[in-house]
Amino acid sequence: MKNTIKYLYILIVSTIFFFAACSKDTDQTKKEIASYENAKLYLSANQKFYITELHGSFRQMGKQYGSLMKEQIKKFYDDAVSSYLMQEKKIKYDDIKTAANSYYLTLPQMYKDYVDGIGESGGLNKEQTNIVAALPIFLAMSGCSSLSAWDEYTGGGPLVVGRNWDLPAHMTRFLKYLTVVVFNPDGSGNSIANIDFAGSFFYQTAMNNKGIFLELQNGQGSDTTQCVDRTNANHSLFSFLLNSSSMKEVDALFRSTLPGGGIIMNASAPSETYIYEWGTSRLARREGKGLISASNDFIDPSWAQYKIPVFNKDNEGIGKTFTRRTNLLARGEENKGKITPDVMKKIFDTTIPNNGATFPDEGLLRTIYQVVAVPAQLKIWVKARGYSDWEEIDLTKYFSR
């Protein structure tokens, strides 16, 4: 039992593992299906993803979310905790509870308020609410990859970024609980749209109303150090979006802190992208000239003196990290001058056996969900493989700022 708690605690606290031309499939509907106080619940155009538009303090937004998503939160809890973790993985409830409480304690107070608010109206007790908040970490993390294109590569059109969220195959069973949560906090702070599971509070892919798009990838293959006493990087990243209105501000925040484990970040704005190879001892920022890609290894030349492992076609690292990154760059070069959201979707629809970066829909590792974003237009397209096709979500309809 002690070993299980220690294992889950390390996973939670360190957070080292780690979702001018426009698309034709437009976000034609904004179908409101429920409301609570001044918050609203919508279904995406093809009715695959719930979108919650929240307003107020973090406590109020949590209470709104719990009320609007009560049914989905309960189903996610039953499926992920009662069925998967306890019955299939044979993890004891007390171990899950202990690890989830440890995660809750790492939350800054305003995020605790949000989780507590969910507990007031979400239909679960305090322990269960804390467990759901931490569930994505229990369910396993693995790879991911990204590609950004701008300037010559988009033919003068806006910057377009795509990302894959790659995890073990069992995660496909939970895709129906994937949601877009839009936070519109009172007072200071930006609006944020976060892609998450029902009832969870776990940052992986998000964009704010200033067009800052941040998505996280696992860098543990390059930096295996674990610093469990550091601030949870996921909470820091959410705060970056809450408090940043420009890439200059994002850059300063990345340079002000270090994560508990190796992380790679795609940080995109309306006209530029940087890749932050965010190690436990230092930060390296990569830049591109209109095209840049990242997967799951540090490749900035400055890492050479730190004995960071080098991956290549003969030493692939996590989930064929070398092949995925080089394939994305090759597909970007092939489409130079004509990359639009539609083209980016086709690039990310291309599987690894077909010279892409996406895991096929079989095997131990899968591409779970995918996102294409145009920060300048505050638009995202989300696809959950095997569950939905690409769905456009125009965030301007849900941001209050």
Protein backbone atom coordinates (compact mmCIF):
# COMPACT_ATOMS: atom_id res chain seq x y z
CA MET A 1 0.00 0.00 0.00
CA LYS A 2 2.77 2.44 0.91
CA ASN A 3 4.50 1.82 -2.42
CA THR A 4 1.26 2.40 -4.30
CA ILE A 5 0.61 5.68 -2.49
CA LYS A 6 4.19 6.81 -3.09
CA TYR A 7 3.92 5.95 -6.79
CA LEU A 8 0.66 7.83 -7.26
CA TYR A 9 1.92 10.76 -5.19
CA ILE A 10 5.03 11.13 -7.35
CA LEU A 11 2.88 11.06 -10.48
CA ILE A 12 0.66 13.78 -9.12
CA VAL A 13 3.07 16.21 -7.49
CA SER A 14 5.86 16.11 -10.05
CA THR A 15 3.56 16.20 -13.08
CA ILE A 16 6.28 14.98 -15.39
CA PHE A 17 4.28 13.12 -17.97
CA PHE A 18 2.95 14.93 -20.06
CA PHE A 19 -4.38 17.14 -25.48
CA ALA A 20 -6.60 33.90 -43.70
CA ALA A 21 -8.14 30.55 -44.84
CA CYS A 22 -10.61 28.90 -42.55
CA SER A 23 -11.89 25.38 -42.34
CA LYS A 24 -14.99 24.43 -44.26
CA ASP A 25 -16.66 22.67 -41.30
CA THR A 26 -17.63 25.84 -39.48
CA ASP A 27 -18.97 26.13 -35.95
CA GLN A 28 -22.49 26.72 -37.23
CA THR A 29 -24.37 26.13 -34.02
CA LYS A 30 -24.08 27.27 -30.44
CA LYS A 31 -26.68 24.94 -28.98
CA GLU A 32 -27.42 25.87 -25.39
CA ILE A 33 -28.73 22.86 -23.48
CA ALA A 34 -28.65 24.08 -19.87
CA SER A 35 -27.90 27.09 -17.68
CA TYR A 36 -27.14 27.74 -14.04
CA GLU A 37 -26.80 31.22 -12.55
CA ASN A 38 -25.03 33.12 -15.34
CA ALA A 39 -23.21 30.07 -16.71
CA LYS A 40 -24.28 28.02 -19.73
CA LEU A 41 -23.74 24.54 -21.12
CA TYR A 42 -23.53 23.95 -24.86
CA LEU A 43 -22.99 21.07 -27.24
CA SER A 44 -20.58 21.43 -30.14
CA ALA A 45 -21.98 21.47 -33.67
CA ASN A 46 -22.00 17.69 -34.09
CA GLN A 47 -22.97 17.16 -30.45
CA LYS A 48 -19.77 15.38 -29.47
CA PHE A 49 -18.24 17.80 -26.96
CA TYR A 50 -19.75 19.68 -24.05
CA ILE A 51 -18.69 23.32 -23.78
CA THR A 52 -19.18 25.08 -20.46
CA GLU A 53 -19.13 28.88 -20.30
CA LEU A 54 -18.41 29.90 -16.70
CA HIS A 55 -18.42 33.34 -15.02
CA GLY A 56 -17.52 34.73 -11.60
CA SER A 57 -15.07 33.79 -8.88
CA PHE A 58 -13.35 30.42 -9.08
CA ARG A 59 -15.67 29.13 -6.34
CA GLN A 60 -18.70 30.31 -8.30
CA MET A 61 -17.37 28.86 -11.55
CA GLY A 62 -16.78 25.51 -9.85
CA LYS A 63 -20.33 25.47 -8.49
CA GLN A 64 -21.66 26.36 -11.95
CA TYR A 65 -19.61 23.62 -13.58
CA GLY A 66 -20.69 21.02 -11.03
CA SER A 67 -24.35 21.83 -11.53
CA LEU A 68 -24.16 21.85 -15.33
CA MET A 69 -21.98 18.74 -15.66
CA LYS A 70 -23.28 16.68 -12.73
CA GLU A 71 -24.40 13.72 -14.83
CA GLN A 72 -21.18 13.54 -16.85
CA ILE A 73 -18.98 13.89 -13.75
CA LYS A 74 -20.77 10.98 -12.05
CA LYS A 75 -20.45 8.77 -15.14
CA PHE A 76 -16.76 9.59 -15.48
CA TYR A 77 -16.18 8.77 -11.82
CA ASP A 78 -17.99 5.43 -12.08
CA ASP A 79 -16.21 4.44 -15.29
CA ALA A 80 -12.69 5.63 -14.40
CA VAL A 81 -12.58 4.98 -10.64
CA SER A 82 -15.04 2.21 -9.79
CA SER A 83 -14.61 0.24 -13.00
CA TYR A 84 -11.12 0.93 -14.34
CA LEU A 85 -8.86 1.83 -11.39
CA MET A 86 -10.46 -0.32 -8.71
CA GLN A 87 -11.83 -3.31 -10.59
CA GLU A 88 -9.42 -3.62 -13.51
CA LYS A 89 -6.20 -2.17 -12.06
CA LYS A 90 -6.92 -3.45 -8.53
CA ILE A 91 -5.92 -0.15 -6.89
CA LYS A 92 -7.44 0.29 -3.45
CA TYR A 93 -9.82 3.18 -2.87
CA ASP A 94 -7.84 4.44 0.13
CA ASP A 95 -4.70 4.68 -2.02
CA ILE A 96 -6.57 6.61 -4.71
CA LYS A 97 -8.09 8.91 -2.06
CA THR A 98 -4.71 9.59 -0.44
CA ALA A 99 -3.02 10.43 -3.74
CA ALA A 100 -5.94 12.63 -4.86
CA ASN A 101 -5.84 14.57 -1.59
CA SER A 102 -2.12 15.11 -2.10
CA TYR A 103 -2.87 16.54 -5.53
CA TYR A 104 -5.58 18.78 -4.09
CA LEU A 105 -3.12 20.18 -1.55
CA THR A 106 -0.77 21.28 -4.36
CA LEU A 107 -3.49 23.49 -5.85
CA PRO A 108 -3.24 27.28 -5.37
CA GLN A 109 -6.16 28.53 -3.27
CA MET A 110 -8.26 29.83 -6.16
CA TYR A 111 -8.04 26.43 -7.88
CA LYS A 112 -8.95 24.71 -4.61
CA ASP A 113 -11.96 27.04 -4.58
CA TYR A 114 -12.91 25.82 -8.05
CA VAL A 115 -12.72 22.15 -7.03
CA ASP A 116 -14.62 22.90 -3.81
CA GLY A 117 -17.29 24.63 -5.87
CA ILE A 118 -17.69 21.52 -8.02
CA GLY A 119 -18.10 19.56 -4.80
CA GLU A 120 -21.01 21.75 -3.73
CA SER A 121 -23.17 20.93 -6.74
CA GLY A 122 -21.54 18.08 -8.69
CA GLY A 123 -23.26 15.22 -6.89
CA LEU A 124 -20.11 13.62 -5.43
CA ASN A 125 -18.75 13.90 -1.91
CA LYS A 126 -15.53 15.76 -1.05
CA GLU A 127 -13.26 12.73 -1.45
CA GLN A 128 -14.81 11.72 -4.76
CA THR A 129 -14.65 15.29 -6.09
CA ASN A 130 -10.94 15.50 -5.30
CA ILE A 131 -10.37 12.17 -7.05
CA VAL A 132 -12.11 13.32 -10.25
CA ALA A 133 -10.10 16.54 -10.19
CA ALA A 134 -6.90 14.47 -10.35
CA LEU A 135 -8.12 11.62 -12.55
CA PRO A 136 -6.14 12.38 -15.74
CA ILE A 137 -2.91 11.75 -13.81
CA PHE A 138 -4.14 8.42 -12.45
CA LEU A 139 -5.12 7.31 -15.94
CA ALA A 140 -1.55 7.61 -17.36
CA MET A 141 0.46 10.07 -19.42
CA SER A 142 2.85 9.37 -22.27
CA GLY A 143 3.87 11.28 -25.40
CA CYS A 144 2.47 14.07 -27.66
CA SER A 145 3.72 16.16 -30.60
CA SER A 146 3.12 19.54 -32.25
CA LEU A 147 3.70 21.53 -35.44
CA SER A 148 3.35 25.28 -35.94
CA ALA A 149 3.40 27.11 -39.27
CA TRP A 150 3.38 30.85 -40.06
CA ASP A 151 4.74 33.47 -42.50
CA GLU A 152 5.83 31.80 -45.76
CA TYR A 153 4.46 28.44 -44.73
CA THR A 154 0.90 29.74 -44.49
CA GLY A 155 1.17 31.88 -47.62
CA GLY A 156 0.55 35.04 -45.65
CA GLY A 157 -2.32 33.56 -43.68
CA PRO A 158 -2.44 33.42 -39.88
CA LEU A 159 -0.30 31.12 -37.76
CA VAL A 160 -1.72 27.60 -37.49
CA VAL A 161 -0.70 25.10 -34.82
CA GLY A 162 -1.57 21.42 -34.49
CA ARG A 163 -1.03 18.99 -31.62
CA ASN A 164 -1.50 15.30 -30.80
CA TRP A 165 -2.19 14.00 -27.29
CA ASP A 166 -0.74 10.49 -27.21
CA LEU A 167 -1.43 8.03 -24.38
CA PRO A 168 -1.94 4.32 -23.69
CA ALA A 169 -4.83 2.70 -25.55
CA HIS A 170 -7.10 2.39 -22.50
CA MET A 171 -7.70 6.16 -22.59
CA THR A 172 -9.94 5.78 -25.65
CA ARG A 173 -12.74 4.52 -23.39
CA PHE A 174 -12.93 7.94 -21.69
CA LEU A 175 -13.20 10.14 -24.80
CA LYS A 176 -16.92 10.71 -24.31
CA TYR A 177 -16.05 12.66 -21.15
CA LEU A 178 -13.77 15.12 -22.95
CA THR A 179 -14.98 18.72 -22.57
CA VAL A 180 -14.01 22.32 -23.31
CA VAL A 181 -14.20 24.43 -20.15
CA VAL A 182 -14.26 28.20 -20.66
CA PHE A 183 -13.31 30.23 -17.57
CA ASN A 184 -14.33 33.90 -17.45
CA PRO A 185 -13.07 34.95 -13.99
CA ASP A 186 -14.20 38.12 -12.29
CA GLY A 187 -11.69 40.88 -11.70
CA SER A 188 -8.19 40.59 -13.11
CA GLY A 189 -7.13 37.71 -15.32
CA ASN A 190 -7.83 36.53 -18.83
CA SER A 191 -10.52 34.19 -20.07
CA ILE A 192 -9.21 30.65 -20.69
CA ALA A 193 -10.54 27.69 -22.68
CA ASN A 194 -9.13 24.42 -21.33
CA ILE A 195 -9.59 20.95 -22.83
CA ASP A 196 -10.20 18.56 -19.95
CA PHE A 197 -12.25 15.61 -18.74
CA ALA A 198 -15.54 16.02 -16.90
CA GLY A 199 -14.91 17.26 -13.38
CA SER A 200 -11.13 17.33 -13.71
CA PHE A 201 -8.80 20.25 -13.18
CA PHE A 202 -5.74 19.32 -15.16
CA TYR A 203 -3.98 21.53 -17.70
CA GLN A 204 -2.70 20.01 -20.97
CA THR A 205 -4.05 22.10 -23.86
CA ALA A 206 -5.55 25.58 -23.52
CA MET A 207 -5.84 29.04 -25.08
CA ASN A 208 -6.69 32.41 -23.56
CA ASN A 209 -8.63 35.31 -25.01
CA LYS A 210 -5.39 37.10 -26.02
CA GLY A 211 -4.57 34.26 -28.43
CA ILE A 212 -1.90 32.62 -26.28
CA PHE A 213 -2.02 28.86 -26.91
CA LEU A 214 -0.01 26.52 -24.68
CA GLU A 215 0.19 22.75 -25.03
CA LEU A 216 2.28 20.33 -23.01
CA GLN A 217 4.41 17.35 -24.05
CA ASN A 218 6.33 14.83 -21.99
CA GLY A 219 10.07 15.56 -21.81
CA GLN A 220 11.02 12.80 -19.39
CA GLY A 221 12.93 10.93 -22.09
CA SER A 222 15.50 13.72 -22.01
CA ASP A 223 15.28 14.78 -18.36
CA THR A 224 14.58 11.91 -15.97
CA THR A 225 15.00 13.95 -12.77
CA GLN A 226 12.02 14.16 -10.42
CA CYS A 227 11.67 17.13 -8.06
CA VAL A 228 8.53 16.34 -6.08
CA ASP A 229 8.82 19.36 -3.81
CA ARG A 230 8.27 21.90 -6.60
CA THR A 231 5.10 23.70 -7.61
CA ASN A 232 2.94 21.54 -9.85
CA ALA A 233 3.81 22.67 -13.39
CA ASN A 234 0.24 22.21 -14.61
CA HIS A 235 -1.02 24.78 -12.11
CA SER A 236 1.78 27.17 -13.12
CA LEU A 237 0.87 26.86 -16.79
CA PHE A 238 -2.79 27.61 -16.14
CA SER A 239 -1.66 30.68 -14.23
CA PHE A 240 0.57 31.70 -17.15
CA LEU A 241 -2.52 31.86 -19.37
CA LEU A 242 -4.52 33.64 -16.71
CA ASN A 243 -1.91 36.38 -16.36
CA SER A 244 -0.27 36.73 -19.80
CA SER A 245 -1.42 38.92 -22.65
CA SER A 246 1.68 38.68 -24.86
CA MET A 247 4.43 36.23 -25.73
CA LYS A 248 6.90 38.49 -23.93
CA GLU A 249 4.99 37.95 -20.69
CA VAL A 250 4.75 34.20 -21.32
CA ASP A 251 8.50 34.06 -21.92
CA ALA A 252 9.24 35.86 -18.65
CA LEU A 253 7.04 33.43 -16.73
CA PHE A 254 8.73 30.38 -18.25
CA ARG A 255 12.09 31.83 -17.20
CA SER A 256 10.88 32.47 -13.65
CA THR A 257 10.27 28.86 -12.60
CA LEU A 258 11.32 25.27 -13.26
CA PRO A 259 9.07 22.20 -13.35
CA GLY A 260 9.24 19.06 -11.25
CA GLY A 261 10.12 16.96 -14.30
CA GLY A 262 11.12 17.31 -17.92
CA ILE A 263 8.47 19.08 -20.01
CA ILE A 264 8.31 20.39 -23.58
CA MET A 265 5.93 23.25 -24.34
CA ASN A 266 4.57 24.61 -27.59
CA ALA A 267 3.81 28.27 -26.84
CA SER A 268 2.02 29.94 -29.74
CA ALA A 269 0.64 33.44 -30.19
CA PRO A 270 -1.12 35.05 -33.18
CA SER A 271 2.17 35.51 -35.09
CA GLU A 272 4.92 33.42 -33.44
CA THR A 273 5.72 30.10 -31.78
CA TYR A 274 8.49 29.11 -29.38
CA ILE A 275 9.29 25.63 -28.15
CA TYR A 276 10.33 25.62 -24.49
CA GLU A 277 12.44 22.64 -23.49
CA TRP A 278 11.65 23.07 -19.82
CA GLY A 279 14.03 20.97 -17.76
CA THR A 280 14.38 20.59 -14.02
CA SER A 281 17.68 22.50 -14.00
CA ARG A 282 17.41 24.95 -16.90
CA LEU A 283 15.31 26.22 -19.81
CA ALA A 284 16.16 26.19 -23.51
CA ARG A 285 13.96 28.11 -25.97
CA ARG A 286 13.87 26.99 -29.60
CA GLU A 287 12.80 29.31 -32.41
CA GLY A 288 11.83 28.63 -36.01
CA LYS A 289 11.55 30.53 -39.27
CA GLY A 290 7.94 29.86 -40.11
CA LEU A 291 7.92 26.18 -39.17
CA ILE A 292 8.73 24.41 -35.89
CA SER A 293 7.90 21.03 -34.40
CA ALA A 294 8.29 19.25 -31.08
CA SER A 295 7.72 15.75 -29.78
CA ASN A 296 9.24 14.15 -26.67
CA ASP A 297 12.95 14.96 -26.65
CA PHE A 298 15.14 18.01 -26.07
CA ILE A 299 16.97 18.95 -29.28
CA ASP A 300 18.32 22.46 -28.67
CA PRO A 301 22.14 22.36 -29.20
CA SER A 302 22.75 23.98 -25.81
CA TRP A 303 21.83 20.70 -24.09
CA ALA A 304 25.00 18.96 -25.36
CA GLN A 305 27.08 19.88 -22.30
CA TYR A 306 24.38 18.50 -19.96
CA LYS A 307 24.63 14.92 -21.27
CA ILE A 308 21.05 14.93 -22.52
CA PRO A 309 20.45 11.76 -24.62
CA VAL A 310 20.27 12.21 -28.38
CA PHE A 311 17.52 10.36 -30.22
CA ASN A 312 17.59 9.37 -33.88
CA LYS A 313 16.16 6.75 -36.24
CA ASP A 314 18.18 4.06 -34.47
CA ASN A 315 17.36 5.24 -30.93
CA GLU A 316 13.79 6.49 -31.06
CA GLY A 317 13.05 7.36 -27.43
CA ILE A 318 9.46 7.74 -26.17
CA GLY A 319 6.96 6.60 -28.78
CA LYS A 320 9.16 7.16 -31.84
CA THR A 321 9.79 10.76 -30.86
CA PHE A 322 12.42 11.26 -33.60
CA THR A 323 10.21 9.87 -36.37
CA ARG A 324 7.12 11.83 -35.32
CA ARG A 325 8.98 15.15 -35.20
CA THR A 326 10.86 14.67 -38.47
CA ASN A 327 7.69 13.48 -40.22
CA LEU A 328 5.81 16.59 -39.11
CA LEU A 329 8.57 18.86 -40.40
CA ALA A 330 8.65 16.98 -43.71
CA ARG A 331 4.88 17.31 -44.16
CA GLY A 332 5.18 21.01 -43.31
CA GLU A 333 7.85 21.49 -45.96
CA GLU A 334 5.72 19.64 -48.52
CA ASN A 335 2.87 22.07 -47.89
CA LYS A 336 4.96 25.23 -47.66
CA GLY A 337 2.94 28.28 -48.67
CA LYS A 338 -0.44 26.60 -48.34
CA ILE A 339 -0.86 25.50 -44.73
CA THR A 340 -4.37 26.32 -43.51
CA PRO A 341 -6.40 24.71 -40.74
CA ASP A 342 -7.69 22.15 -43.25
CA VAL A 343 -4.16 21.29 -44.38
CA MET A 344 -2.95 21.08 -40.79
CA LYS A 345 -5.80 18.67 -40.00
CA LYS A 346 -4.73 16.47 -42.91
CA ILE A 347 -1.14 16.51 -41.64
CA PHE A 348 -2.30 15.36 -38.23
CA ASP A 349 -4.63 12.78 -39.73
CA THR A 350 -1.57 11.11 -41.26
CA THR A 351 -0.42 8.11 -39.24
CA ILE A 352 3.18 7.10 -38.49
CA PRO A 353 3.18 4.20 -41.01
CA ASN A 354 2.13 6.73 -43.67
CA ASN A 355 4.93 9.17 -42.75
CA GLY A 356 2.93 11.22 -40.29
CA ALA A 357 3.04 11.67 -36.51
CA THR A 358 -0.26 10.13 -35.46
CA PHE A 359 -0.42 6.71 -33.85
CA PRO A 360 -2.73 4.28 -35.66
CA ASP A 361 -6.01 3.32 -34.03
CA GLU A 362 -4.57 0.06 -32.75
CA GLY A 363 -1.61 -0.87 -30.59
CA LEU A 364 -0.54 -0.01 -27.05
CA LEU A 365 0.00 3.71 -27.72
CA ARG A 366 -2.72 5.76 -29.40
CA THR A 367 -3.32 9.33 -30.43
CA ILE A 368 -6.23 10.11 -28.10
CA TYR A 369 -7.26 13.62 -29.09
CA GLN A 370 -5.99 16.22 -31.53
CA VAL A 371 -6.26 19.99 -31.72
CA VAL A 372 -5.68 22.49 -34.52
CA ALA A 373 -5.73 26.15 -33.48
CA VAL A 374 -5.55 29.59 -35.08
CA PRO A 375 -4.66 31.90 -32.17
CA ALA A 376 -5.31 35.09 -34.16
CA GLN A 377 -8.92 34.01 -34.70
CA LEU A 378 -9.43 32.36 -31.29
CA LYS A 379 -10.56 29.20 -33.04
CA ILE A 380 -9.81 25.58 -32.30
CA TRP A 381 -10.70 22.32 -34.01
CA VAL A 382 -10.88 19.25 -31.76
CA LYS A 383 -10.89 15.59 -32.79
CA ALA A 384 -11.14 12.61 -30.46
CA ARG A 385 -9.98 9.67 -32.53
CA GLY A 386 -12.57 6.94 -32.84
CA TYR A 387 -15.18 9.15 -31.18
CA SER A 388 -15.52 12.33 -33.25
CA ASP A 389 -14.38 13.97 -36.45
CA TRP A 390 -12.86 17.46 -36.39
CA GLU A 391 -15.20 19.91 -34.66
CA GLU A 392 -14.68 23.64 -34.93
CA ILE A 393 -15.17 25.70 -31.79
CA ASP A 394 -15.14 29.47 -32.13
CA LEU A 395 -13.99 30.62 -28.69
CA THR A 396 -15.03 34.22 -29.32
CA LYS A 397 -18.59 33.02 -28.65
CA TYR A 398 -17.68 31.89 -25.12
CA PHE A 399 -15.03 34.36 -23.97
CA SER A 400 -16.48 37.37 -22.15
CA ARG A 401 -13.40 39.55 -22.77
